[in-house]
Amino acid sequence: MKLALTRIFWIRFVAILVILVFSVLLFFIGKQHTVLLDNKTVTIEGEEIRALQLVEIQINNLEPMELAARDRDKEEVTGQKHSVTIIYTDSNWEEYTIERTFKLPLMQEMVLLSIPTLVANPEADQSLWLENYEPPTYAVTAADSEEEVVTDDLSVLLTDI
């Protein structure tokens, strides 16, 4: 059988190629990630970074949310590159705004953004304040395959009636 390189063959080949390129592009654009926003006290290299009393945080152009100390919330985002805006007030009632952009690895489903770590060092590398989050796995013990049923002599008599 001879392969004929006709005009129809090339049109079909280019159409399939365009569909494949388009599907890969949509995969990268439409990949959904969960960003956990964590406002808890953390310890990094022996130094304790305290949680902020009240902080307003916004991811991309989504609705801003307020987090108090020891709060954690989540945002569902699509795509790889995102921006975060943090607005907080210090103990002297001075308002500060921090804006950063970050890029999520493609196959990470869930990441944890530590707000106190980002506020303590806004110019730090994103690996310091953004980390992969693995949900905890709970140990499940297998049930006994066969449990012995305890009966007394009267139960045998009642079932015979």
N, C-alpha and C. Protein backbone atom coordinates (compact mmCIF):
# COMPACT_ATOMS: atom_id res chain seq x y z
N MET A 1 0.85 -1.17 0.00
CA MET A 1 0.00 0.00 0.00
C MET A 1 0.90 1.23 0.00
N LYS A 2 0.65 2.10 -0.88
CA LYS A 2 1.45 3.30 -1.05
C LYS A 2 0.72 4.49 -0.41
N LEU A 3 1.47 5.30 0.35
CA LEU A 3 0.90 6.47 0.99
C LEU A 3 0.90 7.63 0.00
N ALA A 4 -0.29 8.11 -0.26
CA ALA A 4 -0.43 9.21 -1.23
C ALA A 4 -0.41 10.53 -0.48
N LEU A 5 0.53 11.38 -0.81
CA LEU A 5 0.64 12.70 -0.18
C LEU A 5 -0.14 13.72 -1.01
N THR A 6 -1.43 13.60 -0.93
CA THR A 6 -2.30 14.49 -1.69
C THR A 6 -2.64 15.73 -0.88
N ARG A 7 -3.37 16.59 -1.52
CA ARG A 7 -3.78 17.84 -0.88
C ARG A 7 -4.69 17.57 0.31
N ILE A 8 -5.59 16.62 0.20
CA ILE A 8 -6.51 16.27 1.29
C ILE A 8 -5.73 15.73 2.48
N PHE A 9 -4.70 14.91 2.22
CA PHE A 9 -3.87 14.38 3.30
C PHE A 9 -3.23 15.51 4.09
N TRP A 10 -2.66 16.50 3.43
CA TRP A 10 -1.99 17.60 4.10
C TRP A 10 -2.98 18.49 4.86
N ILE A 11 -4.17 18.66 4.33
CA ILE A 11 -5.19 19.45 5.04
C ILE A 11 -5.59 18.74 6.33
N ARG A 12 -5.80 17.43 6.27
CA ARG A 12 -6.14 16.66 7.47
C ARG A 12 -4.99 16.67 8.47
N PHE A 13 -3.76 16.52 8.00
CA PHE A 13 -2.60 16.52 8.87
C PHE A 13 -2.46 17.85 9.61
N VAL A 14 -2.61 18.95 8.90
CA VAL A 14 -2.52 20.28 9.53
C VAL A 14 -3.68 20.49 10.50
N ALA A 15 -4.87 20.01 10.17
CA ALA A 15 -6.03 20.16 11.07
C ALA A 15 -5.80 19.40 12.37
N ILE A 16 -5.27 18.19 12.29
CA ILE A 16 -4.98 17.40 13.49
C ILE A 16 -3.89 18.08 14.32
N LEU A 17 -2.88 18.60 13.65
CA LEU A 17 -1.80 19.29 14.34
C LEU A 17 -2.30 20.54 15.06
N VAL A 18 -3.17 21.30 14.42
CA VAL A 18 -3.74 22.50 15.05
C VAL A 18 -4.57 22.13 16.27
N ILE A 19 -5.34 21.06 16.16
CA ILE A 19 -6.16 20.62 17.31
C ILE A 19 -5.27 20.19 18.47
N LEU A 20 -4.19 19.48 18.21
CA LEU A 20 -3.28 19.06 19.27
C LEU A 20 -2.60 20.25 19.94
N VAL A 21 -2.14 21.20 19.16
CA VAL A 21 -1.50 22.39 19.73
C VAL A 21 -2.51 23.18 20.55
N PHE A 22 -3.71 23.32 20.07
CA PHE A 22 -4.76 24.04 20.77
C PHE A 22 -5.11 23.35 22.09
N SER A 23 -5.18 22.01 22.10
CA SER A 23 -5.52 21.29 23.33
C SER A 23 -4.41 21.41 24.37
N VAL A 24 -3.15 21.40 23.95
CA VAL A 24 -2.04 21.59 24.90
C VAL A 24 -2.10 23.01 25.47
N LEU A 25 -2.37 23.99 24.65
CA LEU A 25 -2.49 25.37 25.10
C LEU A 25 -3.62 25.52 26.12
N LEU A 26 -4.75 24.91 25.85
CA LEU A 26 -5.88 24.97 26.78
C LEU A 26 -5.57 24.27 28.09
N PHE A 27 -4.77 23.20 28.04
CA PHE A 27 -4.38 22.52 29.27
C PHE A 27 -3.58 23.45 30.16
N PHE A 28 -2.62 24.18 29.58
CA PHE A 28 -1.81 25.08 30.38
C PHE A 28 -2.61 26.26 30.90
N ILE A 29 -3.50 26.80 30.10
CA ILE A 29 -4.30 27.95 30.51
C ILE A 29 -5.37 27.57 31.53
N GLY A 30 -6.00 26.42 31.35
CA GLY A 30 -7.15 26.06 32.16
C GLY A 30 -6.85 25.21 33.37
N LYS A 31 -5.59 24.92 33.66
CA LYS A 31 -5.25 24.10 34.82
C LYS A 31 -5.64 24.84 36.09
N GLN A 32 -6.42 24.17 36.95
CA GLN A 32 -6.92 24.81 38.16
C GLN A 32 -6.07 24.43 39.36
N HIS A 33 -5.79 25.40 40.21
CA HIS A 33 -5.00 25.20 41.42
C HIS A 33 -5.78 25.75 42.61
N THR A 34 -5.49 25.20 43.79
CA THR A 34 -6.05 25.72 45.03
C THR A 34 -4.93 26.40 45.79
N VAL A 35 -5.13 27.67 46.14
CA VAL A 35 -4.15 28.42 46.92
C VAL A 35 -4.71 28.59 48.33
N LEU A 36 -4.03 27.98 49.30
CA LEU A 36 -4.42 28.13 50.70
C LEU A 36 -3.73 29.37 51.25
N LEU A 37 -4.50 30.28 51.80
CA LEU A 37 -3.99 31.52 52.38
C LEU A 37 -3.91 31.32 53.89
N ASP A 38 -2.71 31.31 54.42
CA ASP A 38 -2.47 30.93 55.81
C ASP A 38 -1.95 32.12 56.60
N ASN A 39 -2.64 32.50 57.66
CA ASN A 39 -2.22 33.60 58.52
C ASN A 39 -1.97 33.05 59.92
N LYS A 40 -1.00 32.14 60.02
CA LYS A 40 -0.65 31.53 61.31
C LYS A 40 0.80 31.82 61.63
N THR A 41 1.13 31.83 62.90
CA THR A 41 2.50 32.04 63.34
C THR A 41 3.36 30.87 62.87
N VAL A 42 4.52 31.19 62.28
CA VAL A 42 5.42 30.15 61.78
C VAL A 42 6.80 30.36 62.35
N THR A 43 7.59 29.29 62.36
CA THR A 43 8.97 29.36 62.81
C THR A 43 9.86 28.95 61.65
N ILE A 44 10.74 29.87 61.24
CA ILE A 44 11.66 29.60 60.13
C ILE A 44 13.08 29.81 60.64
N GLU A 45 13.89 28.76 60.57
CA GLU A 45 15.28 28.79 61.01
C GLU A 45 15.41 29.32 62.43
N GLY A 46 14.54 28.88 63.31
CA GLY A 46 14.58 29.26 64.71
C GLY A 46 13.98 30.62 65.02
N GLU A 47 13.54 31.35 64.01
CA GLU A 47 12.95 32.67 64.21
C GLU A 47 11.43 32.57 64.08
N GLU A 48 10.74 33.06 65.09
CA GLU A 48 9.27 33.01 65.07
C GLU A 48 8.72 34.24 64.38
N ILE A 49 7.87 34.01 63.40
CA ILE A 49 7.21 35.11 62.68
C ILE A 49 5.74 35.07 63.08
N ARG A 50 5.31 36.10 63.77
CA ARG A 50 3.96 36.12 64.32
C ARG A 50 2.92 36.42 63.24
N ALA A 51 1.73 35.88 63.45
CA ALA A 51 0.61 36.12 62.54
C ALA A 51 0.15 37.56 62.65
N LEU A 52 -0.40 38.08 61.57
CA LEU A 52 -0.93 39.45 61.57
C LEU A 52 -2.31 39.45 62.22
N GLN A 53 -2.62 40.53 62.94
CA GLN A 53 -3.92 40.59 63.62
C GLN A 53 -5.08 40.60 62.63
N LEU A 54 -4.97 41.42 61.60
CA LEU A 54 -6.00 41.49 60.57
C LEU A 54 -5.33 41.87 59.26
N VAL A 55 -5.64 41.13 58.22
CA VAL A 55 -5.00 41.36 56.93
C VAL A 55 -6.04 41.19 55.84
N GLU A 56 -5.95 42.04 54.83
CA GLU A 56 -6.82 41.91 53.65
C GLU A 56 -5.94 41.39 52.52
N ILE A 57 -6.41 40.34 51.88
CA ILE A 57 -5.62 39.70 50.83
C ILE A 57 -6.48 39.48 49.60
N GLN A 58 -5.86 39.69 48.44
CA GLN A 58 -6.57 39.52 47.17
C GLN A 58 -5.66 38.78 46.21
N ILE A 59 -6.18 37.73 45.60
CA ILE A 59 -5.46 36.98 44.58
C ILE A 59 -6.06 37.37 43.23
N ASN A 60 -5.19 37.76 42.29
CA ASN A 60 -5.60 38.23 40.96
C ASN A 60 -6.65 39.31 41.09
N ASN A 61 -7.76 39.17 40.38
CA ASN A 61 -8.85 40.14 40.48
C ASN A 61 -10.06 39.55 41.20
N LEU A 62 -9.83 38.52 42.00
CA LEU A 62 -10.91 37.91 42.76
C LEU A 62 -11.30 38.83 43.92
N GLU A 63 -12.39 38.52 44.55
CA GLU A 63 -12.89 39.34 45.65
C GLU A 63 -11.91 39.30 46.83
N PRO A 64 -11.54 40.46 47.39
CA PRO A 64 -10.61 40.44 48.53
C PRO A 64 -11.26 39.84 49.76
N MET A 65 -10.42 39.24 50.61
CA MET A 65 -10.94 38.63 51.84
C MET A 65 -10.09 39.09 53.02
N GLU A 66 -10.71 39.10 54.18
CA GLU A 66 -10.01 39.49 55.40
C GLU A 66 -9.74 38.24 56.23
N LEU A 67 -8.52 38.17 56.75
CA LEU A 67 -8.14 37.05 57.60
C LEU A 67 -7.64 37.60 58.93
N ALA A 68 -8.09 37.02 60.01
CA ALA A 68 -7.59 37.36 61.34
C ALA A 68 -6.44 36.41 61.66
N ALA A 69 -5.82 36.60 62.81
CA ALA A 69 -4.74 35.72 63.23
C ALA A 69 -5.25 34.29 63.36
N ARG A 70 -4.45 33.34 62.96
CA ARG A 70 -4.73 31.89 63.00
C ARG A 70 -5.86 31.49 62.06
N ASP A 71 -6.12 32.26 61.02
CA ASP A 71 -7.13 31.91 60.01
C ASP A 71 -6.46 31.29 58.80
N ARG A 72 -7.24 30.46 58.10
CA ARG A 72 -6.79 29.91 56.83
C ARG A 72 -8.01 29.85 55.92
N ASP A 73 -7.83 30.29 54.68
CA ASP A 73 -8.90 30.26 53.69
C ASP A 73 -8.29 29.80 52.37
N LYS A 74 -9.13 29.61 51.37
CA LYS A 74 -8.61 29.14 50.09
C LYS A 74 -9.23 29.90 48.93
N GLU A 75 -8.51 29.91 47.84
CA GLU A 75 -8.97 30.49 46.58
C GLU A 75 -8.70 29.48 45.47
N GLU A 76 -9.64 29.33 44.57
CA GLU A 76 -9.48 28.49 43.39
C GLU A 76 -9.06 29.39 42.24
N VAL A 77 -7.90 29.11 41.65
CA VAL A 77 -7.38 29.93 40.55
C VAL A 77 -7.06 29.02 39.37
N THR A 78 -7.10 29.61 38.17
CA THR A 78 -6.73 28.88 36.97
C THR A 78 -5.53 29.56 36.33
N GLY A 79 -4.71 28.76 35.71
CA GLY A 79 -3.53 29.28 35.06
C GLY A 79 -2.29 29.10 35.93
N GLN A 80 -1.17 29.59 35.44
CA GLN A 80 0.10 29.40 36.11
C GLN A 80 0.59 30.64 36.85
N LYS A 81 0.38 31.82 36.29
CA LYS A 81 0.92 33.03 36.87
C LYS A 81 -0.19 33.82 37.57
N HIS A 82 0.10 34.26 38.80
CA HIS A 82 -0.91 34.95 39.61
C HIS A 82 -0.25 36.10 40.35
N SER A 83 -1.10 37.02 40.81
CA SER A 83 -0.62 38.13 41.63
C SER A 83 -1.35 38.12 42.97
N VAL A 84 -0.65 38.54 44.00
CA VAL A 84 -1.24 38.62 45.33
C VAL A 84 -1.02 40.03 45.86
N THR A 85 -2.06 40.60 46.47
CA THR A 85 -1.99 41.92 47.09
C THR A 85 -2.38 41.77 48.55
N ILE A 86 -1.49 42.21 49.42
CA ILE A 86 -1.71 42.12 50.87
C ILE A 86 -1.74 43.53 51.43
N ILE A 87 -2.81 43.84 52.17
CA ILE A 87 -2.95 45.14 52.82
C ILE A 87 -3.11 44.87 54.32
N TYR A 88 -2.22 45.46 55.12
CA TYR A 88 -2.30 45.26 56.56
C TYR A 88 -1.90 46.54 57.28
N THR A 89 -2.24 46.61 58.56
CA THR A 89 -1.92 47.76 59.40
C THR A 89 -1.02 47.28 60.53
N ASP A 90 0.08 47.99 60.79
CA ASP A 90 0.98 47.58 61.86
C ASP A 90 0.51 48.15 63.20
N SER A 91 1.33 47.98 64.23
CA SER A 91 0.94 48.42 65.57
C SER A 91 0.88 49.94 65.70
N ASN A 92 1.52 50.68 64.79
CA ASN A 92 1.48 52.15 64.81
C ASN A 92 0.37 52.70 63.91
N TRP A 93 -0.51 51.87 63.46
CA TRP A 93 -1.64 52.22 62.61
C TRP A 93 -1.21 52.76 61.25
N GLU A 94 -0.08 52.29 60.77
CA GLU A 94 0.36 52.63 59.43
C GLU A 94 -0.04 51.50 58.49
N GLU A 95 -0.65 51.87 57.37
CA GLU A 95 -1.13 50.87 56.43
C GLU A 95 -0.06 50.57 55.38
N TYR A 96 0.16 49.29 55.14
CA TYR A 96 1.15 48.85 54.17
C TYR A 96 0.48 47.99 53.10
N THR A 97 0.99 48.08 51.89
CA THR A 97 0.49 47.26 50.79
C THR A 97 1.68 46.54 50.15
N ILE A 98 1.52 45.24 49.99
CA ILE A 98 2.56 44.42 49.36
C ILE A 98 1.93 43.74 48.15
N GLU A 99 2.57 43.89 47.00
CA GLU A 99 2.10 43.24 45.77
C GLU A 99 3.21 42.36 45.24
N ARG A 100 2.89 41.10 44.97
CA ARG A 100 3.86 40.16 44.42
C ARG A 100 3.18 39.31 43.36
N THR A 101 3.95 38.85 42.42
CA THR A 101 3.46 37.87 41.46
C THR A 101 4.19 36.57 41.72
N PHE A 102 3.52 35.47 41.44
CA PHE A 102 4.14 34.17 41.63
C PHE A 102 3.65 33.22 40.55
N LYS A 103 4.45 32.22 40.29
CA LYS A 103 4.14 31.23 39.27
C LYS A 103 4.04 29.87 39.94
N LEU A 104 2.94 29.18 39.66
CA LEU A 104 2.72 27.86 40.24
C LEU A 104 3.25 26.78 39.32
N PRO A 105 3.88 25.76 39.87
CA PRO A 105 4.28 24.62 39.04
C PRO A 105 3.04 23.95 38.44
N LEU A 106 3.19 23.41 37.27
CA LEU A 106 2.06 22.91 36.50
C LEU A 106 1.27 21.81 37.22
N MET A 107 1.94 20.82 37.74
CA MET A 107 1.21 19.67 38.26
C MET A 107 0.93 19.75 39.76
N GLN A 108 1.14 20.88 40.40
CA GLN A 108 0.78 21.02 41.81
C GLN A 108 -0.69 21.40 41.91
N GLU A 109 -1.42 20.61 42.65
CA GLU A 109 -2.85 20.85 42.81
C GLU A 109 -3.13 21.92 43.87
N MET A 110 -2.34 21.90 44.97
CA MET A 110 -2.63 22.76 46.09
C MET A 110 -1.32 23.34 46.64
N VAL A 111 -1.30 24.65 46.87
CA VAL A 111 -0.14 25.31 47.45
C VAL A 111 -0.57 26.12 48.67
N LEU A 112 0.39 26.32 49.59
CA LEU A 112 0.14 27.06 50.82
C LEU A 112 0.93 28.36 50.77
N LEU A 113 0.24 29.49 50.86
CA LEU A 113 0.87 30.80 50.86
C LEU A 113 0.88 31.31 52.30
N SER A 114 2.05 31.43 52.89
CA SER A 114 2.20 31.89 54.27
C SER A 114 2.27 33.42 54.27
N ILE A 115 1.22 34.05 54.75
CA ILE A 115 1.13 35.51 54.75
C ILE A 115 2.16 36.15 55.69
N PRO A 116 2.34 35.67 56.94
CA PRO A 116 3.35 36.30 57.80
C PRO A 116 4.76 36.22 57.23
N THR A 117 5.08 35.11 56.57
CA THR A 117 6.41 34.97 55.97
C THR A 117 6.60 35.95 54.82
N LEU A 118 5.57 36.13 54.01
CA LEU A 118 5.65 37.07 52.89
C LEU A 118 5.76 38.51 53.40
N VAL A 119 5.01 38.85 54.44
CA VAL A 119 5.05 40.21 54.98
C VAL A 119 6.39 40.48 55.65
N ALA A 120 6.97 39.49 56.32
CA ALA A 120 8.24 39.68 57.02
C ALA A 120 9.38 39.95 56.04
N ASN A 121 9.33 39.32 54.86
CA ASN A 121 10.39 39.52 53.88
C ASN A 121 9.77 39.54 52.48
N PRO A 122 9.21 40.68 52.06
CA PRO A 122 8.51 40.73 50.78
C PRO A 122 9.40 40.51 49.56
N GLU A 123 10.69 40.75 49.68
CA GLU A 123 11.59 40.59 48.54
C GLU A 123 12.19 39.18 48.46
N ALA A 124 11.80 38.30 49.37
CA ALA A 124 12.35 36.94 49.39
C ALA A 124 11.86 36.13 48.20
N ASP A 125 12.57 35.07 47.92
CA ASP A 125 12.19 34.16 46.86
C ASP A 125 10.85 33.50 47.21
N GLN A 126 10.06 33.18 46.21
CA GLN A 126 8.73 32.64 46.47
C GLN A 126 8.79 31.27 47.14
N SER A 127 9.90 30.56 47.06
CA SER A 127 10.00 29.25 47.71
C SER A 127 9.97 29.38 49.23
N LEU A 128 10.24 30.56 49.76
CA LEU A 128 10.21 30.78 51.20
C LEU A 128 8.78 30.90 51.72
N TRP A 129 7.91 31.56 50.98
CA TRP A 129 6.55 31.81 51.46
C TRP A 129 5.47 31.04 50.70
N LEU A 130 5.85 30.30 49.66
CA LEU A 130 4.89 29.51 48.89
C LEU A 130 5.41 28.09 48.81
N GLU A 131 4.64 27.14 49.32
CA GLU A 131 5.10 25.76 49.33
C GLU A 131 3.99 24.81 48.91
N ASN A 132 4.40 23.66 48.43
CA ASN A 132 3.45 22.64 48.03
C ASN A 132 2.73 22.12 49.27
N TYR A 133 1.44 21.91 49.16
CA TYR A 133 0.66 21.41 50.29
C TYR A 133 0.12 20.03 49.96
N GLU A 134 0.44 19.09 50.81
CA GLU A 134 -0.09 17.73 50.68
C GLU A 134 -1.12 17.53 51.78
N PRO A 135 -2.37 17.22 51.42
CA PRO A 135 -3.37 17.00 52.46
C PRO A 135 -2.96 15.81 53.33
N PRO A 136 -3.26 15.86 54.63
CA PRO A 136 -2.86 14.76 55.51
C PRO A 136 -3.59 13.47 55.14
N THR A 137 -2.88 12.38 55.25
CA THR A 137 -3.49 11.07 55.02
C THR A 137 -3.73 10.44 56.38
N TYR A 138 -4.87 9.89 56.55
CA TYR A 138 -5.23 9.29 57.82
C TYR A 138 -4.99 7.80 57.75
N ALA A 139 -4.44 7.27 58.83
CA ALA A 139 -4.18 5.84 58.88
C ALA A 139 -5.50 5.11 59.09
N VAL A 140 -5.77 4.17 58.23
CA VAL A 140 -6.99 3.39 58.32
C VAL A 140 -6.59 1.97 58.67
N THR A 141 -7.12 1.48 59.76
CA THR A 141 -6.81 0.11 60.16
C THR A 141 -7.84 -0.82 59.56
N ALA A 142 -7.37 -1.95 59.11
CA ALA A 142 -8.27 -2.94 58.52
C ALA A 142 -9.09 -3.60 59.61
N ALA A 143 -10.35 -3.77 59.34
CA ALA A 143 -11.24 -4.43 60.30
C ALA A 143 -10.94 -5.92 60.29
N ASP A 144 -11.21 -6.54 61.42
CA ASP A 144 -11.02 -7.99 61.48
C ASP A 144 -11.90 -8.65 60.45
N SER A 145 -11.33 -9.61 59.76
CA SER A 145 -12.07 -10.23 58.66
C SER A 145 -13.23 -11.07 59.16
N GLU A 146 -13.06 -11.69 60.31
CA GLU A 146 -14.15 -12.52 60.81
C GLU A 146 -14.28 -12.29 62.30
N GLU A 147 -15.42 -11.79 62.73
CA GLU A 147 -15.66 -11.57 64.14
C GLU A 147 -16.49 -12.72 64.68
N GLU A 148 -16.14 -13.12 65.87
CA GLU A 148 -16.87 -14.22 66.48
C GLU A 148 -18.14 -13.68 67.11
N VAL A 149 -19.26 -14.28 66.79
CA VAL A 149 -20.54 -13.86 67.34
C VAL A 149 -20.80 -14.66 68.60
N VAL A 150 -21.03 -13.95 69.70
CA VAL A 150 -21.26 -14.61 70.98
C VAL A 150 -22.76 -14.81 71.15
N THR A 151 -23.14 -16.03 71.34
CA THR A 151 -24.56 -16.35 71.58
C THR A 151 -24.65 -17.19 72.84
N ASP A 152 -25.81 -17.23 73.42
CA ASP A 152 -26.01 -18.11 74.56
C ASP A 152 -26.93 -19.25 74.15
N ASP A 153 -27.14 -20.16 75.05
CA ASP A 153 -27.92 -21.35 74.73
C ASP A 153 -29.38 -21.04 74.45
N LEU A 154 -29.92 -19.97 75.02
CA LEU A 154 -31.32 -19.65 74.83
C LEU A 154 -31.60 -19.15 73.41
N SER A 155 -30.65 -18.52 72.79
CA SER A 155 -30.88 -18.00 71.44
C SER A 155 -31.07 -19.14 70.45
N VAL A 156 -30.44 -20.27 70.69
CA VAL A 156 -30.61 -21.44 69.82
C VAL A 156 -32.04 -21.96 69.96
N LEU A 157 -32.58 -21.95 71.20
CA LEU A 157 -33.94 -22.43 71.42
C LEU A 157 -34.96 -21.51 70.78
N LEU A 158 -34.73 -20.22 70.78
CA LEU A 158 -35.69 -19.28 70.22
C LEU A 158 -35.72 -19.38 68.69
N THR A 159 -34.62 -19.68 68.06
CA THR A 159 -34.61 -19.78 66.62
C THR A 159 -35.21 -21.08 66.13
N ASP A 160 -35.30 -22.07 66.98
CA ASP A 160 -35.89 -23.34 66.58
C ASP A 160 -37.41 -23.30 66.57
N ILE A 161 -38.03 -22.35 67.21
CA ILE A 161 -39.49 -22.29 67.29
C ILE A 161 -40.11 -21.89 65.99
